[in-house]
Amino acid sequence: MPTTKSELLQGTLDLLILKTLTVGPMHGYAIVQRIQQRSQEVLVLEEGSLYPCLYRMEEKGWIAATWGKSENNRRAKYYSLTRAGRKQLEAETAIWERVCRAITLILQPA
């Protein structure tokens, strides 16, 4: 069953976007496609959910945006990870790993 942003734990979308941008600058549609591909189509993100998150992350200084041309020669905004974004990714990854360990402990038979 596909999962949408609204079903993700709070803050998970930030983590996914930050991790996705470690491979290099991408426009919004490419970010959505990469997350879907990497999750084997389990995570399906709506562009309408993505852009408010991108704008918020840009305001926080975690990502930077520049205009460029997309693969089909259209003007597109490309997002890239900043130094602050890399630090945030490290912090959020540590939190995510701790939460996963805790959930695994709870799911194990008593």
PDB file of N, CA and C in Angstrom:
ATOM      1  N   MET A   1       0.845  -1.184   0.000  1.00  0.00           N
ATOM      2  CA  MET A   1       0.000   0.000   0.000  1.00  0.00           C
ATOM      3  C   MET A   1       0.889   1.246   0.000  1.00  0.00           C
ATOM      4  N   PRO A   2       0.698   2.158  -0.959  1.00  0.00           N
ATOM      5  CA  PRO A   2       1.540   3.356  -1.013  1.00  0.00           C
ATOM      6  C   PRO A   2       1.362   4.230   0.216  1.00  0.00           C
ATOM      7  N   THR A   3       2.436   4.880   0.607  1.00  0.00           N
ATOM      8  CA  THR A   3       2.417   5.800   1.727  1.00  0.00           C
ATOM      9  C   THR A   3       2.602   7.203   1.190  1.00  0.00           C
ATOM     10  N   THR A   4       1.804   8.128   1.661  1.00  0.00           N
ATOM     11  CA  THR A   4       1.940   9.515   1.254  1.00  0.00           C
ATOM     12  C   THR A   4       2.574  10.302   2.380  1.00  0.00           C
ATOM     13  N   LYS A   5       2.950  11.538   2.109  1.00  0.00           N
ATOM     14  CA  LYS A   5       3.582  12.387   3.115  1.00  0.00           C
ATOM     15  C   LYS A   5       2.748  12.450   4.378  1.00  0.00           C
ATOM     16  N   SER A   6       1.431  12.526   4.240  1.00  0.00           N
ATOM     17  CA  SER A   6       0.587  12.661   5.419  1.00  0.00           C
ATOM     18  C   SER A   6       0.682  11.438   6.327  1.00  0.00           C
ATOM     19  N   GLU A   7       1.132  10.309   5.786  1.00  0.00           N
ATOM     20  CA  GLU A   7       1.259   9.111   6.591  1.00  0.00           C
ATOM     21  C   GLU A   7       2.673   8.923   7.134  1.00  0.00           C
ATOM     22  N   LEU A   8       3.607   9.748   6.704  1.00  0.00           N
ATOM     23  CA  LEU A   8       4.968   9.654   7.195  1.00  0.00           C
ATOM     24  C   LEU A   8       5.065  10.303   8.566  1.00  0.00           C
ATOM     25  N   LEU A   9       5.980   9.805   9.395  1.00  0.00           N
ATOM     26  CA  LEU A   9       6.214  10.448  10.677  1.00  0.00           C
ATOM     27  C   LEU A   9       6.665  11.879  10.449  1.00  0.00           C
ATOM     28  N   GLN A  10       6.273  12.762  11.340  1.00  0.00           N
ATOM     29  CA  GLN A  10       6.652  14.160  11.212  1.00  0.00           C
ATOM     30  C   GLN A  10       8.167  14.284  11.104  1.00  0.00           C
ATOM     31  N   GLY A  11       8.632  15.081  10.166  1.00  0.00           N
ATOM     32  CA  GLY A  11      10.057  15.278   9.967  1.00  0.00           C
ATOM     33  C   GLY A  11      10.691  14.293   9.011  1.00  0.00           C
ATOM     34  N   THR A  12       9.999  13.220   8.671  1.00  0.00           N
ATOM     35  CA  THR A  12      10.566  12.206   7.786  1.00  0.00           C
ATOM     36  C   THR A  12      10.785  12.751   6.380  1.00  0.00           C
ATOM     37  N   LEU A  13       9.893  13.584   5.894  1.00  0.00           N
ATOM     38  CA  LEU A  13      10.043  14.132   4.551  1.00  0.00           C
ATOM     39  C   LEU A  13      11.310  14.979   4.464  1.00  0.00           C
ATOM     40  N   ASP A  14      11.602  15.755   5.498  1.00  0.00           N
ATOM     41  CA  ASP A  14      12.842  16.530   5.524  1.00  0.00           C
ATOM     42  C   ASP A  14      14.040  15.599   5.361  1.00  0.00           C
ATOM     43  N   LEU A  15      14.057  14.529   6.128  1.00  0.00           N
ATOM     44  CA  LEU A  15      15.153  13.570   6.086  1.00  0.00           C
ATOM     45  C   LEU A  15      15.294  12.973   4.691  1.00  0.00           C
ATOM     46  N   LEU A  16      14.195  12.587   4.082  1.00  0.00           N
ATOM     47  CA  LEU A  16      14.231  11.983   2.752  1.00  0.00           C
ATOM     48  C   LEU A  16      14.751  12.958   1.701  1.00  0.00           C
ATOM     49  N   ILE A  17      14.310  14.194   1.778  1.00  0.00           N
ATOM     50  CA  ILE A  17      14.758  15.209   0.815  1.00  0.00           C
ATOM     51  C   ILE A  17      16.246  15.498   1.006  1.00  0.00           C
ATOM     52  N   LEU A  18      16.666  15.704   2.237  1.00  0.00           N
ATOM     53  CA  LEU A  18      18.076  15.980   2.505  1.00  0.00           C
ATOM     54  C   LEU A  18      18.954  14.841   1.993  1.00  0.00           C
ATOM     55  N   LYS A  19      18.576  13.624   2.275  1.00  0.00           N
ATOM     56  CA  LYS A  19      19.347  12.459   1.821  1.00  0.00           C
ATOM     57  C   LYS A  19      19.358  12.392   0.299  1.00  0.00           C
ATOM     58  N   THR A  20      18.235  12.649  -0.322  1.00  0.00           N
ATOM     59  CA  THR A  20      18.139  12.604  -1.778  1.00  0.00           C
ATOM     60  C   THR A  20      19.072  13.621  -2.426  1.00  0.00           C
ATOM     61  N   LEU A  21      19.177  14.784  -1.834  1.00  0.00           N
ATOM     62  CA  LEU A  21      20.013  15.840  -2.410  1.00  0.00           C
ATOM     63  C   LEU A  21      21.508  15.609  -2.208  1.00  0.00           C
ATOM     64  N   THR A  22      21.893  14.570  -1.468  1.00  0.00           N
ATOM     65  CA  THR A  22      23.325  14.288  -1.310  1.00  0.00           C
ATOM     66  C   THR A  22      23.957  13.855  -2.629  1.00  0.00           C
ATOM     67  N   VAL A  23      23.151  13.400  -3.593  1.00  0.00           N
ATOM     68  CA  VAL A  23      23.703  12.979  -4.886  1.00  0.00           C
ATOM     69  C   VAL A  23      23.939  14.168  -5.815  1.00  0.00           C
ATOM     70  N   GLY A  24      23.382  15.337  -5.466  1.00  0.00           N
ATOM     71  CA  GLY A  24      23.581  16.527  -6.280  1.00  0.00           C
ATOM     72  C   GLY A  24      22.300  17.316  -6.442  1.00  0.00           C
ATOM     73  N   PRO A  25      22.397  18.493  -7.065  1.00  0.00           N
ATOM     74  CA  PRO A  25      21.222  19.356  -7.245  1.00  0.00           C
ATOM     75  C   PRO A  25      20.128  18.672  -8.069  1.00  0.00           C
ATOM     76  N   MET A  26      18.887  18.904  -7.676  1.00  0.00           N
ATOM     77  CA  MET A  26      17.731  18.329  -8.378  1.00  0.00           C
ATOM     78  C   MET A  26      16.574  19.298  -8.339  1.00  0.00           C
ATOM     79  N   HIS A  27      15.718  19.224  -9.352  1.00  0.00           N
ATOM     80  CA  HIS A  27      14.473  19.979  -9.313  1.00  0.00           C
ATOM     81  C   HIS A  27      13.420  19.129  -8.604  1.00  0.00           C
ATOM     82  N   GLY A  28      12.323  19.746  -8.240  1.00  0.00           N
ATOM     83  CA  GLY A  28      11.308  19.090  -7.426  1.00  0.00           C
ATOM     84  C   GLY A  28      10.811  17.764  -7.966  1.00  0.00           C
ATOM     85  N   TYR A  29      10.480  17.732  -9.253  1.00  0.00           N
ATOM     86  CA  TYR A  29       9.962  16.495  -9.841  1.00  0.00           C
ATOM     87  C   TYR A  29      11.001  15.375  -9.746  1.00  0.00           C
ATOM     88  N   ALA A  30      12.276  15.703  -9.957  1.00  0.00           N
ATOM     89  CA  ALA A  30      13.335  14.689  -9.864  1.00  0.00           C
ATOM     90  C   ALA A  30      13.470  14.169  -8.436  1.00  0.00           C
ATOM     91  N   ILE A  31      13.272  15.050  -7.448  1.00  0.00           N
ATOM     92  CA  ILE A  31      13.319  14.626  -6.049  1.00  0.00           C
ATOM     93  C   ILE A  31      12.211  13.616  -5.776  1.00  0.00           C
ATOM     94  N   VAL A  32      11.006  13.933  -6.225  1.00  0.00           N
ATOM     95  CA  VAL A  32       9.858  13.029  -6.049  1.00  0.00           C
ATOM     96  C   VAL A  32      10.144  11.684  -6.708  1.00  0.00           C
ATOM     97  N   GLN A  33      10.620  11.714  -7.943  1.00  0.00           N
ATOM     98  CA  GLN A  33      10.897  10.477  -8.684  1.00  0.00           C
ATOM     99  C   GLN A  33      11.959   9.630  -7.985  1.00  0.00           C
ATOM    100  N   ARG A  34      13.017  10.275  -7.517  1.00  0.00           N
ATOM    101  CA  ARG A  34      14.110   9.528  -6.875  1.00  0.00           C
ATOM    102  C   ARG A  34      13.645   8.873  -5.579  1.00  0.00           C
ATOM    103  N   ILE A  35      12.873   9.594  -4.777  1.00  0.00           N
ATOM    104  CA  ILE A  35      12.360   9.011  -3.534  1.00  0.00           C
ATOM    105  C   ILE A  35      11.458   7.824  -3.848  1.00  0.00           C
ATOM    106  N   GLN A  36      10.604   7.959  -4.836  1.00  0.00           N
ATOM    107  CA  GLN A  36       9.723   6.848  -5.217  1.00  0.00           C
ATOM    108  C   GLN A  36      10.538   5.654  -5.709  1.00  0.00           C
ATOM    109  N   GLN A  37      11.526   5.901  -6.559  1.00  0.00           N
ATOM    110  CA  GLN A  37      12.350   4.804  -7.079  1.00  0.00           C
ATOM    111  C   GLN A  37      13.140   4.132  -5.976  1.00  0.00           C
ATOM    112  N   ARG A  38      13.792   4.935  -5.119  1.00  0.00           N
ATOM    113  CA  ARG A  38      14.622   4.372  -4.048  1.00  0.00           C
ATOM    114  C   ARG A  38      13.791   3.584  -3.038  1.00  0.00           C
ATOM    115  N   SER A  39      12.523   3.953  -2.876  1.00  0.00           N
ATOM    116  CA  SER A  39      11.649   3.243  -1.931  1.00  0.00           C
ATOM    117  C   SER A  39      10.897   2.104  -2.612  1.00  0.00           C
ATOM    118  N   GLN A  40      11.260   1.803  -3.841  1.00  0.00           N
ATOM    119  CA  GLN A  40      10.589   0.772  -4.634  1.00  0.00           C
ATOM    120  C   GLN A  40       9.098   1.044  -4.729  1.00  0.00           C
ATOM    121  N   GLU A  41       8.777   2.329  -4.945  1.00  0.00           N
ATOM    122  CA  GLU A  41       7.409   2.808  -5.150  1.00  0.00           C
ATOM    123  C   GLU A  41       6.525   2.708  -3.907  1.00  0.00           C
ATOM    124  N   VAL A  42       7.103   2.459  -2.737  1.00  0.00           N
ATOM    125  CA  VAL A  42       6.316   2.416  -1.498  1.00  0.00           C
ATOM    126  C   VAL A  42       5.951   3.832  -1.071  1.00  0.00           C
ATOM    127  N   LEU A  43       6.899   4.757  -1.189  1.00  0.00           N
ATOM    128  CA  LEU A  43       6.649   6.148  -0.810  1.00  0.00           C
ATOM    129  C   LEU A  43       6.270   6.938  -2.057  1.00  0.00           C
ATOM    130  N   VAL A  44       5.057   7.422  -2.072  1.00  0.00           N
ATOM    131  CA  VAL A  44       4.550   8.207  -3.197  1.00  0.00           C
ATOM    132  C   VAL A  44       4.289   9.615  -2.679  1.00  0.00           C
ATOM    133  N   LEU A  45       5.074  10.566  -3.139  1.00  0.00           N
ATOM    134  CA  LEU A  45       4.957  11.942  -2.673  1.00  0.00           C
ATOM    135  C   LEU A  45       4.210  12.788  -3.682  1.00  0.00           C
ATOM    136  N   GLU A  46       3.354  13.630  -3.175  1.00  0.00           N
ATOM    137  CA  GLU A  46       2.646  14.585  -4.013  1.00  0.00           C
ATOM    138  C   GLU A  46       3.509  15.834  -4.130  1.00  0.00           C
ATOM    139  N   GLU A  47       3.621  16.385  -5.332  1.00  0.00           N
ATOM    140  CA  GLU A  47       4.403  17.609  -5.500  1.00  0.00           C
ATOM    141  C   GLU A  47       3.832  18.730  -4.635  1.00  0.00           C
ATOM    142  N   GLY A  48       2.521  18.734  -4.412  1.00  0.00           N
ATOM    143  CA  GLY A  48       1.896  19.748  -3.572  1.00  0.00           C
ATOM    144  C   GLY A  48       2.340  19.678  -2.125  1.00  0.00           C
ATOM    145  N   SER A  49       2.782  18.523  -1.681  1.00  0.00           N
ATOM    146  CA  SER A  49       3.329  18.376  -0.332  1.00  0.00           C
ATOM    147  C   SER A  49       4.816  18.693  -0.314  1.00  0.00           C
ATOM    148  N   LEU A  50       5.468  18.444  -1.437  1.00  0.00           N
ATOM    149  CA  LEU A  50       6.909  18.626  -1.518  1.00  0.00           C
ATOM    150  C   LEU A  50       7.321  20.091  -1.474  1.00  0.00           C
ATOM    151  N   TYR A  51       6.675  20.927  -2.270  1.00  0.00           N
ATOM    152  CA  TYR A  51       7.144  22.304  -2.411  1.00  0.00           C
ATOM    153  C   TYR A  51       7.063  23.137  -1.127  1.00  0.00           C
ATOM    154  N   PRO A  52       6.008  23.044  -0.344  1.00  0.00           N
ATOM    155  CA  PRO A  52       6.031  23.773   0.934  1.00  0.00           C
ATOM    156  C   PRO A  52       7.201  23.328   1.819  1.00  0.00           C
ATOM    157  N   CYS A  53       7.523  22.052   1.787  1.00  0.00           N
ATOM    158  CA  CYS A  53       8.650  21.537   2.558  1.00  0.00           C
ATOM    159  C   CYS A  53       9.965  22.104   2.012  1.00  0.00           C
ATOM    160  N   LEU A  54      10.116  22.136   0.695  1.00  0.00           N
ATOM    161  CA  LEU A  54      11.327  22.698   0.093  1.00  0.00           C
ATOM    162  C   LEU A  54      11.495  24.169   0.456  1.00  0.00           C
ATOM    163  N   TYR A  55      10.407  24.931   0.394  1.00  0.00           N
ATOM    164  CA  TYR A  55      10.471  26.359   0.718  1.00  0.00           C
ATOM    165  C   TYR A  55      10.868  26.566   2.183  1.00  0.00           C
ATOM    166  N   ARG A  56      10.300  25.750   3.072  1.00  0.00           N
ATOM    167  CA  ARG A  56      10.619  25.842   4.500  1.00  0.00           C
ATOM    168  C   ARG A  56      12.091  25.498   4.741  1.00  0.00           C
ATOM    169  N   MET A  57      12.563  24.461   4.078  1.00  0.00           N
ATOM    170  CA  MET A  57      13.949  24.050   4.240  1.00  0.00           C
ATOM    171  C   MET A  57      14.907  25.104   3.674  1.00  0.00           C
ATOM    172  N   GLU A  58      14.488  25.763   2.613  1.00  0.00           N
ATOM    173  CA  GLU A  58      15.295  26.845   2.040  1.00  0.00           C
ATOM    174  C   GLU A  58      15.373  28.015   3.021  1.00  0.00           C
ATOM    175  N   GLU A  59      14.244  28.342   3.655  1.00  0.00           N
ATOM    176  CA  GLU A  59      14.225  29.413   4.663  1.00  0.00           C
ATOM    177  C   GLU A  59      15.153  29.106   5.829  1.00  0.00           C
ATOM    178  N   LYS A  60      15.235  27.836   6.212  1.00  0.00           N
ATOM    179  CA  LYS A  60      16.091  27.432   7.330  1.00  0.00           C
ATOM    180  C   LYS A  60      17.562  27.362   6.926  1.00  0.00           C
ATOM    181  N   GLY A  61      17.838  27.481   5.632  1.00  0.00           N
ATOM    182  CA  GLY A  61      19.214  27.446   5.160  1.00  0.00           C
ATOM    183  C   GLY A  61      19.767  26.051   4.942  1.00  0.00           C
ATOM    184  N   TRP A  62      18.904  25.038   4.947  1.00  0.00           N
ATOM    185  CA  TRP A  62      19.351  23.656   4.757  1.00  0.00           C
ATOM    186  C   TRP A  62      19.585  23.341   3.291  1.00  0.00           C
ATOM    187  N   ILE A  63      18.863  24.036   2.415  1.00  0.00           N
ATOM    188  CA  ILE A  63      19.036  23.849   0.980  1.00  0.00           C
ATOM    189  C   ILE A  63      19.111  25.225   0.321  1.00  0.00           C
ATOM    190  N   ALA A  64      19.686  25.260  -0.864  1.00  0.00           N
ATOM    191  CA  ALA A  64      19.755  26.483  -1.656  1.00  0.00           C
ATOM    192  C   ALA A  64      19.126  26.180  -3.012  1.00  0.00           C
ATOM    193  N   ALA A  65      18.541  27.202  -3.624  1.00  0.00           N
ATOM    194  CA  ALA A  65      17.877  27.010  -4.907  1.00  0.00           C
ATOM    195  C   ALA A  65      18.458  27.944  -5.962  1.00  0.00           C
ATOM    196  N   THR A  66      18.609  27.404  -7.168  1.00  0.00           N
ATOM    197  CA  THR A  66      19.036  28.199  -8.319  1.00  0.00           C
ATOM    198  C   THR A  66      18.201  27.783  -9.521  1.00  0.00           C
ATOM    199  N   TRP A  67      18.022  28.704 -10.430  1.00  0.00           N
ATOM    200  CA  TRP A  67      17.261  28.405 -11.642  1.00  0.00           C
ATOM    201  C   TRP A  67      18.176  27.794 -12.695  1.00  0.00           C
ATOM    202  N   GLY A  68      17.642  26.822 -13.411  1.00  0.00           N
ATOM    203  CA  GLY A  68      18.381  26.170 -14.489  1.00  0.00           C
ATOM    204  C   GLY A  68      17.415  25.571 -15.490  1.00  0.00           C
ATOM    205  N   LYS A  69      17.931  24.798 -16.420  1.00  0.00           N
ATOM    206  CA  LYS A  69      17.108  24.130 -17.437  1.00  0.00           C
ATOM    207  C   LYS A  69      16.994  22.651 -17.090  1.00  0.00           C
ATOM    208  N   SER A  70      15.778  22.133 -17.206  1.00  0.00           N
ATOM    209  CA  SER A  70      15.538  20.721 -16.926  1.00  0.00           C
ATOM    210  C   SER A  70      15.939  19.875 -18.135  1.00  0.00           C
ATOM    211  N   GLU A  71      15.795  18.570 -18.002  1.00  0.00           N
ATOM    212  CA  GLU A  71      16.141  17.634 -19.068  1.00  0.00           C
ATOM    213  C   GLU A  71      15.354  17.910 -20.346  1.00  0.00           C
ATOM    214  N   ASN A  72      14.122  18.390 -20.195  1.00  0.00           N
ATOM    215  CA  ASN A  72      13.293  18.687 -21.366  1.00  0.00           C
ATOM    216  C   ASN A  72      13.363  20.167 -21.749  1.00  0.00           C
ATOM    217  N   ASN A  73      14.452  20.826 -21.329  1.00  0.00           N
ATOM    218  CA  ASN A  73      14.763  22.209 -21.709  1.00  0.00           C
ATOM    219  C   ASN A  73      13.776  23.242 -21.161  1.00  0.00           C
ATOM    220  N   ARG A  74      13.142  22.940 -20.056  1.00  0.00           N
ATOM    221  CA  ARG A  74      12.248  23.892 -19.391  1.00  0.00           C
ATOM    222  C   ARG A  74      12.973  24.521 -18.219  1.00  0.00           C
ATOM    223  N   ARG A  75      12.568  25.713 -17.883  1.00  0.00           N
ATOM    224  CA  ARG A  75      13.138  26.393 -16.728  1.00  0.00           C
ATOM    225  C   ARG A  75      12.671  25.685 -15.452  1.00  0.00           C
ATOM    226  N   ALA A  76      13.609  25.403 -14.563  1.00  0.00           N
ATOM    227  CA  ALA A  76      13.281  24.684 -13.331  1.00  0.00           C
ATOM    228  C   ALA A  76      14.175  25.186 -12.205  1.00  0.00           C
ATOM    229  N   LYS A  77      13.642  25.118 -11.002  1.00  0.00           N
ATOM    230  CA  LYS A  77      14.402  25.489  -9.817  1.00  0.00           C
ATOM    231  C   LYS A  77      15.115  24.239  -9.303  1.00  0.00           C
ATOM    232  N   TYR A  78      16.435  24.331  -9.201  1.00  0.00           N
ATOM    233  CA  TYR A  78      17.242  23.226  -8.714  1.00  0.00           C
ATOM    234  C   TYR A  78      17.626  23.472  -7.268  1.00  0.00           C
ATOM    235  N   TYR A  79      17.440  22.446  -6.450  1.00  0.00           N
ATOM    236  CA  TYR A  79      17.726  22.527  -5.021  1.00  0.00           C
ATOM    237  C   TYR A  79      19.003  21.752  -4.726  1.00  0.00           C
ATOM    238  N   SER A  80      19.843  22.325  -3.873  1.00  0.00           N
ATOM    239  CA  SER A  80      21.071  21.637  -3.481  1.00  0.00           C
ATOM    240  C   SER A  80      21.248  21.756  -1.974  1.00  0.00           C
ATOM    241  N   LEU A  81      21.983  20.817  -1.438  1.00  0.00           N
ATOM    242  CA  LEU A  81      22.241  20.737  -0.007  1.00  0.00           C
ATOM    243  C   LEU A  81      23.299  21.769   0.384  1.00  0.00           C
ATOM    244  N   THR A  82      23.077  22.457   1.485  1.00  0.00           N
ATOM    245  CA  THR A  82      24.066  23.402   2.017  1.00  0.00           C
ATOM    246  C   THR A  82      24.855  22.711   3.133  1.00  0.00           C
ATOM    247  N   ARG A  83      25.857  23.399   3.636  1.00  0.00           N
ATOM    248  CA  ARG A  83      26.622  22.855   4.773  1.00  0.00           C
ATOM    249  C   ARG A  83      25.686  22.646   5.972  1.00  0.00           C
ATOM    250  N   ALA A  84      24.807  23.618   6.216  1.00  0.00           N
ATOM    251  CA  ALA A  84      23.840  23.481   7.315  1.00  0.00           C
ATOM    252  C   ALA A  84      22.909  22.297   7.059  1.00  0.00           C
ATOM    253  N   GLY A  85      22.558  22.069   5.799  1.00  0.00           N
ATOM    254  CA  GLY A  85      21.713  20.931   5.441  1.00  0.00           C
ATOM    255  C   GLY A  85      22.394  19.603   5.710  1.00  0.00           C
ATOM    256  N   ARG A  86      23.697  19.549   5.452  1.00  0.00           N
ATOM    257  CA  ARG A  86      24.445  18.315   5.737  1.00  0.00           C
ATOM    258  C   ARG A  86      24.477  18.034   7.238  1.00  0.00           C
ATOM    259  N   LYS A  87      24.637  19.079   8.031  1.00  0.00           N
ATOM    260  CA  LYS A  87      24.612  18.913   9.490  1.00  0.00           C
ATOM    261  C   LYS A  87      23.230  18.451   9.943  1.00  0.00           C
ATOM    262  N   GLN A  88      22.198  19.052   9.364  1.00  0.00           N
ATOM    263  CA  GLN A  88      20.825  18.674   9.708  1.00  0.00           C
ATOM    264  C   GLN A  88      20.562  17.223   9.322  1.00  0.00           C
ATOM    265  N   LEU A  89      21.066  16.806   8.173  1.00  0.00           N
ATOM    266  CA  LEU A  89      20.912  15.416   7.738  1.00  0.00           C
ATOM    267  C   LEU A  89      21.559  14.466   8.740  1.00  0.00           C
ATOM    268  N   GLU A  90      22.747  14.797   9.204  1.00  0.00           N
ATOM    269  CA  GLU A  90      23.407  13.954  10.218  1.00  0.00           C
ATOM    270  C   GLU A  90      22.571  13.860  11.486  1.00  0.00           C
ATOM    271  N   ALA A  91      22.057  14.996  11.941  1.00  0.00           N
ATOM    272  CA  ALA A  91      21.253  15.021  13.166  1.00  0.00           C
ATOM    273  C   ALA A  91      19.966  14.220  12.991  1.00  0.00           C
ATOM    274  N   GLU A  92      19.281  14.435  11.870  1.00  0.00           N
ATOM    275  CA  GLU A  92      18.011  13.733  11.649  1.00  0.00           C
ATOM    276  C   GLU A  92      18.214  12.244  11.423  1.00  0.00           C
ATOM    277  N   THR A  93      19.327  11.871  10.803  1.00  0.00           N
ATOM    278  CA  THR A  93      19.625  10.451  10.612  1.00  0.00           C
ATOM    279  C   THR A  93      19.832   9.773  11.965  1.00  0.00           C
ATOM    280  N   ALA A  94      20.550  10.424  12.858  1.00  0.00           N
ATOM    281  CA  ALA A  94      20.776   9.859  14.200  1.00  0.00           C
ATOM    282  C   ALA A  94      19.457   9.688  14.948  1.00  0.00           C
ATOM    283  N   ILE A  95      18.587  10.682  14.853  1.00  0.00           N
ATOM    284  CA  ILE A  95      17.277  10.593  15.510  1.00  0.00           C
ATOM    285  C   ILE A  95      16.472   9.445  14.907  1.00  0.00           C
ATOM    286  N   TRP A  96      16.463   9.361  13.572  1.00  0.00           N
ATOM    287  CA  TRP A  96      15.701   8.315  12.883  1.00  0.00           C
ATOM    288  C   TRP A  96      16.195   6.931  13.301  1.00  0.00           C
ATOM    289  N   GLU A  97      17.498   6.750  13.362  1.00  0.00           N
ATOM    290  CA  GLU A  97      18.050   5.451  13.756  1.00  0.00           C
ATOM    291  C   GLU A  97      17.662   5.099  15.185  1.00  0.00           C
ATOM    292  N   ARG A  98      17.664   6.092  16.074  1.00  0.00           N
ATOM    293  CA  ARG A  98      17.261   5.845  17.463  1.00  0.00           C
ATOM    294  C   ARG A  98      15.778   5.455  17.542  1.00  0.00           C
ATOM    295  N   VAL A  99      14.935   6.146  16.792  1.00  0.00           N
ATOM    296  CA  VAL A  99      13.499   5.834  16.776  1.00  0.00           C
ATOM    297  C   VAL A  99      13.267   4.434  16.203  1.00  0.00           C
ATOM    298  N   CYS A 100      13.973   4.086  15.123  1.00  0.00           N
ATOM    299  CA  CYS A 100      13.824   2.752  14.529  1.00  0.00           C
ATOM    300  C   CYS A 100      14.210   1.655  15.521  1.00  0.00           C
ATOM    301  N   ARG A 101      15.317   1.877  16.246  1.00  0.00           N
ATOM    302  CA  ARG A 101      15.722   0.886  17.258  1.00  0.00           C
ATOM    303  C   ARG A 101      14.651   0.731  18.333  1.00  0.00           C
ATOM    304  N   ALA A 102      14.081   1.847  18.765  1.00  0.00           N
ATOM    305  CA  ALA A 102      13.051   1.800  19.802  1.00  0.00           C
ATOM    306  C   ALA A 102      11.808   1.067  19.315  1.00  0.00           C
ATOM    307  N   ILE A 103      11.393   1.356  18.090  1.00  0.00           N
ATOM    308  CA  ILE A 103      10.204   0.689  17.537  1.00  0.00           C
ATOM    309  C   ILE A 103      10.468  -0.803  17.372  1.00  0.00           C
ATOM    310  N   THR A 104      11.668  -1.162  16.921  1.00  0.00           N
ATOM    311  CA  THR A 104      12.026  -2.575  16.787  1.00  0.00           C
ATOM    312  C   THR A 104      11.947  -3.284  18.128  1.00  0.00           C
ATOM    313  N   LEU A 105      12.421  -2.638  19.179  1.00  0.00           N
ATOM    314  CA  LEU A 105      12.346  -3.239  20.510  1.00  0.00           C
ATOM    315  C   LEU A 105      10.894  -3.493  20.922  1.00  0.00           C
ATOM    316  N   ILE A 106      10.036  -2.531  20.623  1.00  0.00           N
ATOM    317  CA  ILE A 106       8.631  -2.671  20.990  1.00  0.00           C
ATOM    318  C   ILE A 106       7.958  -3.781  20.194  1.00  0.00           C
ATOM    319  N   LEU A 107       8.320  -3.925  18.933  1.00  0.00           N
ATOM    320  CA  LEU A 107       7.686  -4.935  18.069  1.00  0.00           C
ATOM    321  C   LEU A 107       8.161  -6.357  18.347  1.00  0.00           C
ATOM    322  N   GLN A 108       9.285  -6.505  19.033  1.00  0.00           N
ATOM    323  CA  GLN A 108       9.790  -7.854  19.338  1.00  0.00           C
ATOM    324  C   GLN A 108       8.865  -8.510  20.353  1.00  0.00           C
ATOM    325  N   PRO A 109       8.760  -9.842  20.271  1.00  0.00           N
ATOM    326  CA  PRO A 109       7.931 -10.538  21.273  1.00  0.00           C
ATOM    327  C   PRO A 109       8.454 -10.289  22.685  1.00  0.00           C
ATOM    328  N   ALA A 110       7.501 -10.151  23.594  1.00  0.00           N
ATOM    329  CA  ALA A 110       7.871  -9.879  25.008  1.00  0.00           C
ATOM    330  C   ALA A 110       8.502 -11.069  25.657  1.00  0.00           C
TER     331      ALA A 110
END
